[in-house]
């Protein structure tokens, strides 16, 4: 998602809340299987909500890369989250999603 702050998504928590609302509007069909997919990647957490599992997976991946999620700017953290969602959707649906639009200002 280009410029998530333009949508009021300034924290990881706001991004997950936004996506939960979007999924709810689609009668919970968008993220069907997401929690199990996340738990499989983490090897645990089947009793946790997907927002917590997504956060834990983003932390684990950033630590594997030698970094810390806490060191990232909010938009980078949100980008990691939407990257995880994109990966899930592409694997679940068996096809790549279209590239996000490029935004140029000025």
C-alpha atoms as a PDB file:
ATOM      1  CA  UNK A   1       0.000   0.000   0.000  1.00  0.00           C
ATOM      2  CA  UNK A   2       1.505   3.300  -1.059  1.00  0.00           C
ATOM      3  CA  UNK A   3       1.368   5.988   1.630  1.00  0.00           C
ATOM      4  CA  UNK A   4      -0.741   4.209   4.264  1.00  0.00           C
ATOM      5  CA  UNK A   5      -0.820   7.367   6.378  1.00  0.00           C
ATOM      6  CA  UNK A   6      -3.041   8.929   3.696  1.00  0.00           C
ATOM      7  CA  UNK A   7      -5.703   6.470   4.915  1.00  0.00           C
ATOM      8  CA  UNK A   8      -5.047   7.171   8.600  1.00  0.00           C
ATOM      9  CA  UNK A   9      -2.985   4.001   8.943  1.00  0.00           C
ATOM     10  CA  UNK A  10      -0.208   5.319  11.136  1.00  0.00           C
ATOM     11  CA  UNK A  11       0.413   2.241  13.289  1.00  0.00           C
ATOM     12  CA  UNK A  12       0.552  -1.526  12.865  1.00  0.00           C
ATOM     13  CA  UNK A  13      -2.562  -1.776  15.050  1.00  0.00           C
ATOM     14  CA  UNK A  14      -4.543   0.681  12.920  1.00  0.00           C
ATOM     15  CA  UNK A  15      -3.553  -1.235   9.786  1.00  0.00           C
ATOM     16  CA  UNK A  16      -4.790  -4.536  11.232  1.00  0.00           C
ATOM     17  CA  UNK A  17      -8.019  -2.885  12.411  1.00  0.00           C
ATOM     18  CA  UNK A  18      -8.544  -1.430   8.922  1.00  0.00           C
ATOM     19  CA  UNK A  19      -8.054  -4.834   7.323  1.00  0.00           C
ATOM     20  CA  UNK A  20     -10.345  -6.501   9.869  1.00  0.00           C
ATOM     21  CA  UNK A  21     -13.075  -4.018   8.921  1.00  0.00           C
ATOM     22  CA  UNK A  22     -12.475  -4.656   5.229  1.00  0.00           C
ATOM     23  CA  UNK A  23     -12.659  -8.415   5.806  1.00  0.00           C
ATOM     24  CA  UNK A  24     -15.826  -7.951   7.845  1.00  0.00           C
ATOM     25  CA  UNK A  25     -17.437  -5.998   5.006  1.00  0.00           C
ATOM     26  CA  UNK A  26     -16.677  -8.960   2.736  1.00  0.00           C
ATOM     27  CA  UNK A  27     -18.363 -11.349   5.202  1.00  0.00           C
ATOM     28  CA  UNK A  28     -14.946 -12.617   6.374  1.00  0.00           C
ATOM     29  CA  UNK A  29     -14.095 -14.154   3.009  1.00  0.00           C
ATOM     30  CA  UNK A  30     -10.982 -12.078   2.245  1.00  0.00           C
ATOM     31  CA  UNK A  31      -8.826 -13.516   5.017  1.00  0.00           C
ATOM     32  CA  UNK A  32     -10.354 -16.987   5.163  1.00  0.00           C
ATOM     33  CA  UNK A  33      -7.542 -19.297   6.314  1.00  0.00           C
ATOM     34  CA  UNK A  34      -5.163 -16.439   7.211  1.00  0.00           C
ATOM     35  CA  UNK A  35      -4.814 -17.330  10.909  1.00  0.00           C
ATOM     36  CA  UNK A  36      -3.985 -20.968  10.111  1.00  0.00           C
ATOM     37  CA  UNK A  37      -1.525 -19.885   7.402  1.00  0.00           C
ATOM     38  CA  UNK A  38       0.226 -17.584   9.865  1.00  0.00           C
ATOM     39  CA  UNK A  39       0.283 -20.226  12.607  1.00  0.00           C
ATOM     40  CA  UNK A  40       1.836 -22.721  10.173  1.00  0.00           C
ATOM     41  CA  UNK A  41       4.658 -20.286   9.424  1.00  0.00           C
ATOM     42  CA  UNK A  42       5.241 -19.582  13.093  1.00  0.00           C
ATOM     43  CA  UNK A  43       4.853 -23.202  14.173  1.00  0.00           C
ATOM     44  CA  UNK A  44       2.527 -22.147  16.992  1.00  0.00           C
ATOM     45  CA  UNK A  45      -0.291 -19.860  17.974  1.00  0.00           C
ATOM     46  CA  UNK A  46      -3.396 -21.535  16.622  1.00  0.00           C
ATOM     47  CA  UNK A  47      -5.392 -20.032  19.501  1.00  0.00           C
ATOM     48  CA  UNK A  48      -4.302 -16.438  18.746  1.00  0.00           C
ATOM     49  CA  UNK A  49      -6.088 -13.897  16.562  1.00  0.00           C
ATOM     50  CA  UNK A  50      -4.573 -13.265  13.139  1.00  0.00           C
ATOM     51  CA  UNK A  51      -3.526  -9.709  13.994  1.00  0.00           C
ATOM     52  CA  UNK A  52      -1.252 -10.999  16.779  1.00  0.00           C
ATOM     53  CA  UNK A  53       0.072 -13.799  14.579  1.00  0.00           C
ATOM     54  CA  UNK A  54       0.842 -11.325  11.763  1.00  0.00           C
ATOM     55  CA  UNK A  55       2.707  -9.107  14.213  1.00  0.00           C
ATOM     56  CA  UNK A  56       4.680 -12.078  15.556  1.00  0.00           C
ATOM     57  CA  UNK A  57       5.570 -13.219  12.027  1.00  0.00           C
ATOM     58  CA  UNK A  58       6.709  -9.712  11.053  1.00  0.00           C
ATOM     59  CA  UNK A  59       8.882  -9.580  14.200  1.00  0.00           C
ATOM     60  CA  UNK A  60      10.351 -13.033  13.511  1.00  0.00           C
ATOM     61  CA  UNK A  61      11.177 -12.172   9.898  1.00  0.00           C
ATOM     62  CA  UNK A  62      12.775  -8.873  10.850  1.00  0.00           C
ATOM     63  CA  UNK A  63      14.877 -10.596  13.521  1.00  0.00           C
ATOM     64  CA  UNK A  64      16.017 -13.202  10.961  1.00  0.00           C
ATOM     65  CA  UNK A  65      17.157 -10.317   8.766  1.00  0.00           C
ATOM     66  CA  UNK A  66      19.194  -8.962  11.679  1.00  0.00           C
ATOM     67  CA  UNK A  67      16.865  -6.110  12.537  1.00  0.00           C
ATOM     68  CA  UNK A  68      14.068  -5.228  14.879  1.00  0.00           C
ATOM     69  CA  UNK A  69      10.514  -4.267  14.045  1.00  0.00           C
ATOM     70  CA  UNK A  70      10.743  -1.568  16.708  1.00  0.00           C
ATOM     71  CA  UNK A  71      13.551   0.123  14.751  1.00  0.00           C
ATOM     72  CA  UNK A  72      11.411   0.521  11.640  1.00  0.00           C
ATOM     73  CA  UNK A  73       9.424   3.633  10.815  1.00  0.00           C
ATOM     74  CA  UNK A  74       5.648   3.168  11.162  1.00  0.00           C
ATOM     75  CA  UNK A  75       5.113   3.073   7.382  1.00  0.00           C
ATOM     76  CA  UNK A  76       7.781   0.379   7.044  1.00  0.00           C
ATOM     77  CA  UNK A  77       6.091  -1.692   9.760  1.00  0.00           C
ATOM     78  CA  UNK A  78       2.768  -1.341   7.976  1.00  0.00           C
ATOM     79  CA  UNK A  79       4.465  -2.271   4.710  1.00  0.00           C
ATOM     80  CA  UNK A  80       5.773  -5.484   6.309  1.00  0.00           C
ATOM     81  CA  UNK A  81       2.232  -6.305   7.454  1.00  0.00           C
ATOM     82  CA  UNK A  82       0.660  -5.753   4.032  1.00  0.00           C
ATOM     83  CA  UNK A  83       3.522  -7.744   2.485  1.00  0.00           C
ATOM     84  CA  UNK A  84       2.530 -10.702   4.671  1.00  0.00           C
ATOM     85  CA  UNK A  85      -1.131 -10.303   3.663  1.00  0.00           C
ATOM     86  CA  UNK A  86      -0.132 -10.134  -0.008  1.00  0.00           C
ATOM     87  CA  UNK A  87       1.991 -13.281   0.329  1.00  0.00           C
ATOM     88  CA  UNK A  88      -0.946 -15.122   1.906  1.00  0.00           C
ATOM     89  CA  UNK A  89      -3.425 -14.051  -0.771  1.00  0.00           C
ATOM     90  CA  UNK A  90      -1.068 -14.986  -3.596  1.00  0.00           C
ATOM     91  CA  UNK A  91      -0.372 -18.422  -2.119  1.00  0.00           C
ATOM     92  CA  UNK A  92      -3.998 -19.091  -1.261  1.00  0.00           C
ATOM     93  CA  UNK A  93      -5.308 -18.020  -4.648  1.00  0.00           C
ATOM     94  CA  UNK A  94      -2.405 -19.487  -6.628  1.00  0.00           C
ATOM     95  CA  UNK A  95      -1.704 -16.354  -8.630  1.00  0.00           C
ATOM     96  CA  UNK A  96       0.206 -13.110  -8.164  1.00  0.00           C
ATOM     97  CA  UNK A  97      -1.685  -9.953  -7.332  1.00  0.00           C
ATOM     98  CA  UNK A  98      -1.385  -6.917  -9.587  1.00  0.00           C
ATOM     99  CA  UNK A  99       1.402  -4.543  -8.622  1.00  0.00           C
ATOM    100  CA  UNK A 100       0.302  -1.631  -6.449  1.00  0.00           C
ATOM    101  CA  UNK A 101      -0.022   1.680  -8.277  1.00  0.00           C
ATOM    102  CA  UNK A 102       2.949   4.001  -8.307  1.00  0.00           C
ATOM    103  CA  UNK A 103       2.303   7.384  -6.754  1.00  0.00           C
ATOM    104  CA  UNK A 104       4.345  10.366  -7.814  1.00  0.00           C
ATOM    105  CA  UNK A 105       3.880  13.746  -6.218  1.00  0.00           C
ATOM    106  CA  UNK A 106       4.889  17.004  -7.770  1.00  0.00           C
END
